[in-house]
Every structure is written in C-alpha cells, then in structure tokens.
Amino acid sequence: MIVAADRWFEVWFSEGDNGMPSWLLLVTPDSKNPGQVMVIDPQENYKVVYQDHNYEDTRLWLLEDEFSRVEGRMIVDE
C-alpha cells in the first residue's frame, strides 16, 4: 500500500483542570498549498487557526500555548 505523504493528521490537546482535554486541535498538511501545515479547530466549525510553511514552526507554536500531541500520527488510507 502506498500512502501519500500529505495525507495525515495529528490531534493536539490542552489539558483541563481534571486532567481531561479542555481543547482539541487538528494538525494536517494544507491540500491547497503544498508544503504548508495548518491547525484546525473543530470546536470553531473547523476554522483554520494557524498556518505555517513547516511542521516544526507549527509544533513550536502549539507547545508555546501548552498543547500536547496525542501519541501517533494518523495516516489517511484512500
């Protein structure tokens, strides 16, 4: 099976008071702008809340706001 490098997503969360996630964000490549990564907020009607040209800057932006990544990256099968 061949999987396209741009068909993945990650789930990031902000921990709430009781240890459960208080906020979830999705990180995925931007299919309209190759090479860019975007952060989507499903609680805001899937609005793009951040976008950058590389994954590392996106990851640092999330860590700065104290988000943690759920272990693993989901790859979308066709």
PDB file of N, CA and C in Angstrom:
ATOM      1  N   MET A   1       0.847  -1.184   0.000  1.00  0.00           N
ATOM      2  CA  MET A   1       0.000   0.000   0.000  1.00  0.00           C
ATOM      3  C   MET A   1       0.891   1.245   0.000  1.00  0.00           C
ATOM      4  N   ILE A   2       0.626   2.173  -0.875  1.00  0.00           N
ATOM      5  CA  ILE A   2       1.361   3.435  -0.951  1.00  0.00           C
ATOM      6  C   ILE A   2       0.474   4.525  -0.357  1.00  0.00           C
ATOM      7  N   VAL A   3       1.039   5.287   0.570  1.00  0.00           N
ATOM      8  CA  VAL A   3       0.297   6.364   1.221  1.00  0.00           C
ATOM      9  C   VAL A   3       0.956   7.685   0.859  1.00  0.00           C
ATOM     10  N   ALA A   4       0.173   8.619   0.408  1.00  0.00           N
ATOM     11  CA  ALA A   4       0.704   9.940   0.069  1.00  0.00           C
ATOM     12  C   ALA A   4       1.220  10.623   1.330  1.00  0.00           C
ATOM     13  N   ALA A   5       2.354  11.302   1.207  1.00  0.00           N
ATOM     14  CA  ALA A   5       2.982  11.958   2.355  1.00  0.00           C
ATOM     15  C   ALA A   5       2.144  13.107   2.907  1.00  0.00           C
ATOM     16  N   ASP A   6       1.205  13.587   2.121  1.00  0.00           N
ATOM     17  CA  ASP A   6       0.409  14.728   2.567  1.00  0.00           C
ATOM     18  C   ASP A   6      -0.991  14.323   3.043  1.00  0.00           C
ATOM     19  N   ARG A   7      -1.171  13.060   3.401  1.00  0.00           N
ATOM     20  CA  ARG A   7      -2.488  12.597   3.853  1.00  0.00           C
ATOM     21  C   ARG A   7      -2.375  12.041   5.267  1.00  0.00           C
ATOM     22  N   TRP A   8      -2.136  12.919   6.226  1.00  0.00           N
ATOM     23  CA  TRP A   8      -2.023  12.548   7.628  1.00  0.00           C
ATOM     24  C   TRP A   8      -2.649  13.646   8.473  1.00  0.00           C
ATOM     25  N   PHE A   9      -2.881  13.324   9.741  1.00  0.00           N
ATOM     26  CA  PHE A   9      -3.300  14.349  10.700  1.00  0.00           C
ATOM     27  C   PHE A   9      -2.847  13.940  12.085  1.00  0.00           C
ATOM     28  N   GLU A  10      -2.712  14.934  12.952  1.00  0.00           N
ATOM     29  CA  GLU A  10      -2.388  14.721  14.361  1.00  0.00           C
ATOM     30  C   GLU A  10      -3.443  15.419  15.208  1.00  0.00           C
ATOM     31  N   VAL A  11      -3.634  14.898  16.404  1.00  0.00           N
ATOM     32  CA  VAL A  11      -4.542  15.511  17.367  1.00  0.00           C
ATOM     33  C   VAL A  11      -3.696  16.093  18.496  1.00  0.00           C
ATOM     34  N   TRP A  12      -3.907  17.372  18.784  1.00  0.00           N
ATOM     35  CA  TRP A  12      -3.229  18.057  19.874  1.00  0.00           C
ATOM     36  C   TRP A  12      -4.279  18.494  20.888  1.00  0.00           C
ATOM     37  N   PHE A  13      -3.904  18.529  22.179  1.00  0.00           N
ATOM     38  CA  PHE A  13      -4.865  18.879  23.217  1.00  0.00           C
ATOM     39  C   PHE A  13      -4.252  19.797  24.263  1.00  0.00           C
ATOM     40  N   SER A  14      -5.141  20.550  24.887  1.00  0.00           N
ATOM     41  CA  SER A  14      -4.784  21.376  26.033  1.00  0.00           C
ATOM     42  C   SER A  14      -5.436  20.720  27.239  1.00  0.00           C
ATOM     43  N   GLU A  15      -4.630  20.458  28.264  1.00  0.00           N
ATOM     44  CA  GLU A  15      -5.142  19.746  29.432  1.00  0.00           C
ATOM     45  C   GLU A  15      -5.979  20.659  30.324  1.00  0.00           C
ATOM     46  N   GLY A  16      -7.125  20.160  30.720  1.00  0.00           N
ATOM     47  CA  GLY A  16      -8.022  20.913  31.592  1.00  0.00           C
ATOM     48  C   GLY A  16      -7.712  20.670  33.055  1.00  0.00           C
ATOM     49  N   ASP A  17      -8.538  21.215  33.924  1.00  0.00           N
ATOM     50  CA  ASP A  17      -8.330  21.113  35.367  1.00  0.00           C
ATOM     51  C   ASP A  17      -8.374  19.679  35.888  1.00  0.00           C
ATOM     52  N   ASN A  18      -9.225  18.852  35.325  1.00  0.00           N
ATOM     53  CA  ASN A  18      -9.393  17.490  35.823  1.00  0.00           C
ATOM     54  C   ASN A  18      -8.541  16.468  35.075  1.00  0.00           C
ATOM     55  N   GLY A  19      -7.576  16.916  34.289  1.00  0.00           N
ATOM     56  CA  GLY A  19      -6.702  16.021  33.548  1.00  0.00           C
ATOM     57  C   GLY A  19      -7.244  15.615  32.191  1.00  0.00           C
ATOM     58  N   MET A  20      -8.508  15.901  31.948  1.00  0.00           N
ATOM     59  CA  MET A  20      -9.104  15.611  30.644  1.00  0.00           C
ATOM     60  C   MET A  20      -8.817  16.782  29.711  1.00  0.00           C
ATOM     61  N   PRO A  21      -8.776  16.531  28.401  1.00  0.00           N
ATOM     62  CA  PRO A  21      -8.529  17.631  27.452  1.00  0.00           C
ATOM     63  C   PRO A  21      -9.622  18.690  27.535  1.00  0.00           C
ATOM     64  N   SER A  22      -9.199  19.948  27.565  1.00  0.00           N
ATOM     65  CA  SER A  22     -10.174  21.039  27.564  1.00  0.00           C
ATOM     66  C   SER A  22     -10.339  21.602  26.161  1.00  0.00           C
ATOM     67  N   TRP A  23      -9.350  21.317  25.287  1.00  0.00           N
ATOM     68  CA  TRP A  23      -9.418  21.829  23.919  1.00  0.00           C
ATOM     69  C   TRP A  23      -8.664  20.868  23.016  1.00  0.00           C
ATOM     70  N   LEU A  24      -9.209  20.616  21.833  1.00  0.00           N
ATOM     71  CA  LEU A  24      -8.563  19.766  20.844  1.00  0.00           C
ATOM     72  C   LEU A  24      -8.315  20.553  19.568  1.00  0.00           C
ATOM     73  N   LEU A  25      -7.178  20.324  18.943  1.00  0.00           N
ATOM     74  CA  LEU A  25      -6.856  20.920  17.652  1.00  0.00           C
ATOM     75  C   LEU A  25      -6.337  19.823  16.733  1.00  0.00           C
ATOM     76  N   LEU A  26      -6.542  19.989  15.439  1.00  0.00           N
ATOM     77  CA  LEU A  26      -6.046  19.056  14.438  1.00  0.00           C
ATOM     78  C   LEU A  26      -4.947  19.715  13.631  1.00  0.00           C
ATOM     79  N   VAL A  27      -3.875  18.978  13.372  1.00  0.00           N
ATOM     80  CA  VAL A  27      -2.772  19.461  12.547  1.00  0.00           C
ATOM     81  C   VAL A  27      -2.723  18.576  11.305  1.00  0.00           C
ATOM     82  N   THR A  28      -2.643  19.196  10.143  1.00  0.00           N
ATOM     83  CA  THR A  28      -2.647  18.453   8.888  1.00  0.00           C
ATOM     84  C   THR A  28      -2.008  19.294   7.781  1.00  0.00           C
ATOM     85  N   PRO A  29      -1.490  18.647   6.747  1.00  0.00           N
ATOM     86  CA  PRO A  29      -0.986  19.417   5.606  1.00  0.00           C
ATOM     87  C   PRO A  29      -2.143  20.147   4.920  1.00  0.00           C
ATOM     88  N   ASP A  30      -1.834  21.275   4.319  1.00  0.00           N
ATOM     89  CA  ASP A  30      -2.828  22.045   3.575  1.00  0.00           C
ATOM     90  C   ASP A  30      -2.857  21.522   2.142  1.00  0.00           C
ATOM     91  N   SER A  31      -3.958  20.914   1.752  1.00  0.00           N
ATOM     92  CA  SER A  31      -4.050  20.316   0.417  1.00  0.00           C
ATOM     93  C   SER A  31      -4.069  21.372  -0.693  1.00  0.00           C
ATOM     94  N   LYS A  32      -4.429  22.618  -0.365  1.00  0.00           N
ATOM     95  CA  LYS A  32      -4.479  23.678  -1.368  1.00  0.00           C
ATOM     96  C   LYS A  32      -3.149  24.412  -1.508  1.00  0.00           C
ATOM     97  N   ASN A  33      -2.287  24.291  -0.508  1.00  0.00           N
ATOM     98  CA  ASN A  33      -0.988  24.963  -0.504  1.00  0.00           C
ATOM     99  C   ASN A  33       0.088  23.948  -0.128  1.00  0.00           C
ATOM    100  N   PRO A  34       0.582  23.194  -1.112  1.00  0.00           N
ATOM    101  CA  PRO A  34       1.586  22.161  -0.825  1.00  0.00           C
ATOM    102  C   PRO A  34       2.763  22.714  -0.032  1.00  0.00           C
ATOM    103  N   GLY A  35       3.189  21.928   0.943  1.00  0.00           N
ATOM    104  CA  GLY A  35       4.314  22.326   1.783  1.00  0.00           C
ATOM    105  C   GLY A  35       3.909  23.067   3.037  1.00  0.00           C
ATOM    106  N   GLN A  36       2.652  23.489   3.128  1.00  0.00           N
ATOM    107  CA  GLN A  36       2.194  24.204   4.312  1.00  0.00           C
ATOM    108  C   GLN A  36       1.440  23.262   5.247  1.00  0.00           C
ATOM    109  N   VAL A  37       1.498  23.602   6.519  1.00  0.00           N
ATOM    110  CA  VAL A  37       0.807  22.840   7.562  1.00  0.00           C
ATOM    111  C   VAL A  37      -0.198  23.778   8.208  1.00  0.00           C
ATOM    112  N   MET A  38      -1.387  23.254   8.517  1.00  0.00           N
ATOM    113  CA  MET A  38      -2.394  24.098   9.152  1.00  0.00           C
ATOM    114  C   MET A  38      -2.923  23.443  10.420  1.00  0.00           C
ATOM    115  N   VAL A  39      -3.389  24.303  11.328  1.00  0.00           N
ATOM    116  CA  VAL A  39      -4.006  23.870  12.572  1.00  0.00           C
ATOM    117  C   VAL A  39      -5.483  24.222  12.471  1.00  0.00           C
ATOM    118  N   ILE A  40      -6.324  23.227  12.688  1.00  0.00           N
ATOM    119  CA  ILE A  40      -7.774  23.379  12.551  1.00  0.00           C
ATOM    120  C   ILE A  40      -8.427  23.197  13.908  1.00  0.00           C
ATOM    121  N   ASP A  41      -9.392  24.046  14.199  1.00  0.00           N
ATOM    122  CA  ASP A  41     -10.137  23.964  15.449  1.00  0.00           C
ATOM    123  C   ASP A  41     -11.527  23.382  15.172  1.00  0.00           C
ATOM    124  N   PRO A  42     -11.748  22.112  15.515  1.00  0.00           N
ATOM    125  CA  PRO A  42     -13.061  21.513  15.263  1.00  0.00           C
ATOM    126  C   PRO A  42     -14.179  22.150  16.096  1.00  0.00           C
ATOM    127  N   GLN A  43     -13.826  22.788  17.214  1.00  0.00           N
ATOM    128  CA  GLN A  43     -14.834  23.426  18.063  1.00  0.00           C
ATOM    129  C   GLN A  43     -15.264  24.780  17.515  1.00  0.00           C
ATOM    130  N   GLU A  44     -14.544  25.276  16.522  1.00  0.00           N
ATOM    131  CA  GLU A  44     -14.868  26.546  15.876  1.00  0.00           C
ATOM    132  C   GLU A  44     -15.275  26.301  14.421  1.00  0.00           C
ATOM    133  N   ASN A  45     -16.054  25.242  14.210  1.00  0.00           N
ATOM    134  CA  ASN A  45     -16.560  24.902  12.874  1.00  0.00           C
ATOM    135  C   ASN A  45     -15.417  24.616  11.896  1.00  0.00           C
ATOM    136  N   TYR A  46     -14.369  23.959  12.403  1.00  0.00           N
ATOM    137  CA  TYR A  46     -13.203  23.557  11.605  1.00  0.00           C
ATOM    138  C   TYR A  46     -12.476  24.738  10.959  1.00  0.00           C
ATOM    139  N   LYS A  47     -12.424  25.826  11.679  1.00  0.00           N
ATOM    140  CA  LYS A  47     -11.712  27.026  11.231  1.00  0.00           C
ATOM    141  C   LYS A  47     -10.198  26.801  11.324  1.00  0.00           C
ATOM    142  N   VAL A  48      -9.465  27.293  10.328  1.00  0.00           N
ATOM    143  CA  VAL A  48      -8.005  27.256  10.372  1.00  0.00           C
ATOM    144  C   VAL A  48      -7.562  28.369  11.320  1.00  0.00           C
ATOM    145  N   VAL A  49      -6.891  27.982  12.420  1.00  0.00           N
ATOM    146  CA  VAL A  49      -6.484  28.964  13.428  1.00  0.00           C
ATOM    147  C   VAL A  49      -4.996  29.314  13.345  1.00  0.00           C
ATOM    148  N   TYR A  50      -4.242  28.531  12.571  1.00  0.00           N
ATOM    149  CA  TYR A  50      -2.810  28.808  12.403  1.00  0.00           C
ATOM    150  C   TYR A  50      -2.348  28.083  11.150  1.00  0.00           C
ATOM    151  N   GLN A  51      -1.392  28.685  10.458  1.00  0.00           N
ATOM    152  CA  GLN A  51      -0.840  28.062   9.257  1.00  0.00           C
ATOM    153  C   GLN A  51       0.611  28.504   9.115  1.00  0.00           C
ATOM    154  N   ASP A  52       1.471  27.569   8.686  1.00  0.00           N
ATOM    155  CA  ASP A  52       2.882  27.897   8.525  1.00  0.00           C
ATOM    156  C   ASP A  52       3.461  27.064   7.393  1.00  0.00           C
ATOM    157  N   HIS A  53       4.684  27.424   6.999  1.00  0.00           N
ATOM    158  CA  HIS A  53       5.342  26.726   5.894  1.00  0.00           C
ATOM    159  C   HIS A  53       6.027  25.443   6.311  1.00  0.00           C
ATOM    160  N   ASN A  54       6.176  25.214   7.620  1.00  0.00           N
ATOM    161  CA  ASN A  54       6.794  23.954   8.010  1.00  0.00           C
ATOM    162  C   ASN A  54       6.216  23.417   9.304  1.00  0.00           C
ATOM    163  N   TYR A  55       6.368  22.126   9.465  1.00  0.00           N
ATOM    164  CA  TYR A  55       5.803  21.436  10.623  1.00  0.00           C
ATOM    165  C   TYR A  55       6.464  21.888  11.920  1.00  0.00           C
ATOM    166  N   GLU A  56       7.762  22.060  11.922  1.00  0.00           N
ATOM    167  CA  GLU A  56       8.475  22.396  13.159  1.00  0.00           C
ATOM    168  C   GLU A  56       7.989  23.711  13.763  1.00  0.00           C
ATOM    169  N   ASP A  57       7.790  24.737  12.945  1.00  0.00           N
ATOM    170  CA  ASP A  57       7.267  26.011  13.465  1.00  0.00           C
ATOM    171  C   ASP A  57       5.850  25.842  14.009  1.00  0.00           C
ATOM    172  N   THR A  58       5.069  25.014  13.358  1.00  0.00           N
ATOM    173  CA  THR A  58       3.708  24.742  13.832  1.00  0.00           C
ATOM    174  C   THR A  58       3.754  24.028  15.177  1.00  0.00           C
ATOM    175  N   ARG A  59       4.629  23.050  15.286  1.00  0.00           N
ATOM    176  CA  ARG A  59       4.779  22.309  16.549  1.00  0.00           C
ATOM    177  C   ARG A  59       5.204  23.241  17.680  1.00  0.00           C
ATOM    178  N   LEU A  60       6.148  24.135  17.420  1.00  0.00           N
ATOM    179  CA  LEU A  60       6.605  25.076  18.445  1.00  0.00           C
ATOM    180  C   LEU A  60       5.483  26.032  18.854  1.00  0.00           C
ATOM    181  N   TRP A  61       4.658  26.456  17.893  1.00  0.00           N
ATOM    182  CA  TRP A  61       3.528  27.335  18.191  1.00  0.00           C
ATOM    183  C   TRP A  61       2.560  26.637  19.146  1.00  0.00           C
ATOM    184  N   LEU A  62       2.292  25.358  18.915  1.00  0.00           N
ATOM    185  CA  LEU A  62       1.384  24.605  19.788  1.00  0.00           C
ATOM    186  C   LEU A  62       1.993  24.404  21.173  1.00  0.00           C
ATOM    187  N   LEU A  63       3.279  24.078  21.237  1.00  0.00           N
ATOM    188  CA  LEU A  63       3.936  23.877  22.529  1.00  0.00           C
ATOM    189  C   LEU A  63       3.978  25.173  23.330  1.00  0.00           C
ATOM    190  N   GLU A  64       4.151  26.293  22.650  1.00  0.00           N
ATOM    191  CA  GLU A  64       4.173  27.596  23.321  1.00  0.00           C
ATOM    192  C   GLU A  64       2.845  27.860  24.037  1.00  0.00           C
ATOM    193  N   ASP A  65       1.766  27.400  23.437  1.00  0.00           N
ATOM    194  CA  ASP A  65       0.440  27.552  24.051  1.00  0.00           C
ATOM    195  C   ASP A  65       0.079  26.370  24.938  1.00  0.00           C
ATOM    196  N   GLU A  66       1.087  25.561  25.289  1.00  0.00           N
ATOM    197  CA  GLU A  66       0.965  24.438  26.213  1.00  0.00           C
ATOM    198  C   GLU A  66       0.025  23.341  25.724  1.00  0.00           C
ATOM    199  N   PHE A  67       0.026  23.108  24.424  1.00  0.00           N
ATOM    200  CA  PHE A  67      -0.685  21.960  23.866  1.00  0.00           C
ATOM    201  C   PHE A  67       0.263  20.770  23.846  1.00  0.00           C
ATOM    202  N   SER A  68      -0.293  19.577  23.945  1.00  0.00           N
ATOM    203  CA  SER A  68       0.461  18.333  23.866  1.00  0.00           C
ATOM    204  C   SER A  68      -0.099  17.500  22.725  1.00  0.00           C
ATOM    205  N   ARG A  69       0.760  16.724  22.098  1.00  0.00           N
ATOM    206  CA  ARG A  69       0.325  15.903  20.978  1.00  0.00           C
ATOM    207  C   ARG A  69      -0.117  14.532  21.473  1.00  0.00           C
ATOM    208  N   VAL A  70      -1.240  14.074  20.980  1.00  0.00           N
ATOM    209  CA  VAL A  70      -1.656  12.703  21.220  1.00  0.00           C
ATOM    210  C   VAL A  70      -0.649  11.819  20.494  1.00  0.00           C
ATOM    211  N   GLU A  71      -0.155  10.787  21.151  1.00  0.00           N
ATOM    212  CA  GLU A  71       0.867   9.928  20.547  1.00  0.00           C
ATOM    213  C   GLU A  71       0.397   9.325  19.248  1.00  0.00           C
ATOM    214  N   GLY A  72       1.241   9.415  18.248  1.00  0.00           N
ATOM    215  CA  GLY A  72       0.956   8.815  16.952  1.00  0.00           C
ATOM    216  C   GLY A  72       0.398   9.811  15.965  1.00  0.00           C
ATOM    217  N   ARG A  73       0.564   9.470  14.726  1.00  0.00           N
ATOM    218  CA  ARG A  73       0.048  10.283  13.629  1.00  0.00           C
ATOM    219  C   ARG A  73      -0.860   9.379  12.817  1.00  0.00           C
ATOM    220  N   MET A  74      -2.021   9.859  12.522  1.00  0.00           N
ATOM    221  CA  MET A  74      -2.960   9.080  11.721  1.00  0.00           C
ATOM    222  C   MET A  74      -2.688   9.346  10.240  1.00  0.00           C
ATOM    223  N   ILE A  75      -2.596   8.266   9.477  1.00  0.00           N
ATOM    224  CA  ILE A  75      -2.416   8.372   8.035  1.00  0.00           C
ATOM    225  C   ILE A  75      -3.723   7.958   7.377  1.00  0.00           C
ATOM    226  N   VAL A  76      -4.208   8.767   6.481  1.00  0.00           N
ATOM    227  CA  VAL A  76      -5.488   8.518   5.842  1.00  0.00           C
ATOM    228  C   VAL A  76      -5.283   7.576   4.664  1.00  0.00           C
ATOM    229  N   ASP A  77      -5.954   6.424   4.708  1.00  0.00           N
ATOM    230  CA  ASP A  77      -5.923   5.486   3.582  1.00  0.00           C
ATOM    231  C   ASP A  77      -6.937   5.927   2.554  1.00  0.00           C
ATOM    232  N   GLU A  78      -6.636   5.657   1.321  1.00  0.00           N
ATOM    233  CA  GLU A  78      -7.578   6.025   0.257  1.00  0.00           C
ATOM    234  C   GLU A  78      -8.653   4.989   0.120  1.00  0.00           C
TER     235      GLU A  78
END
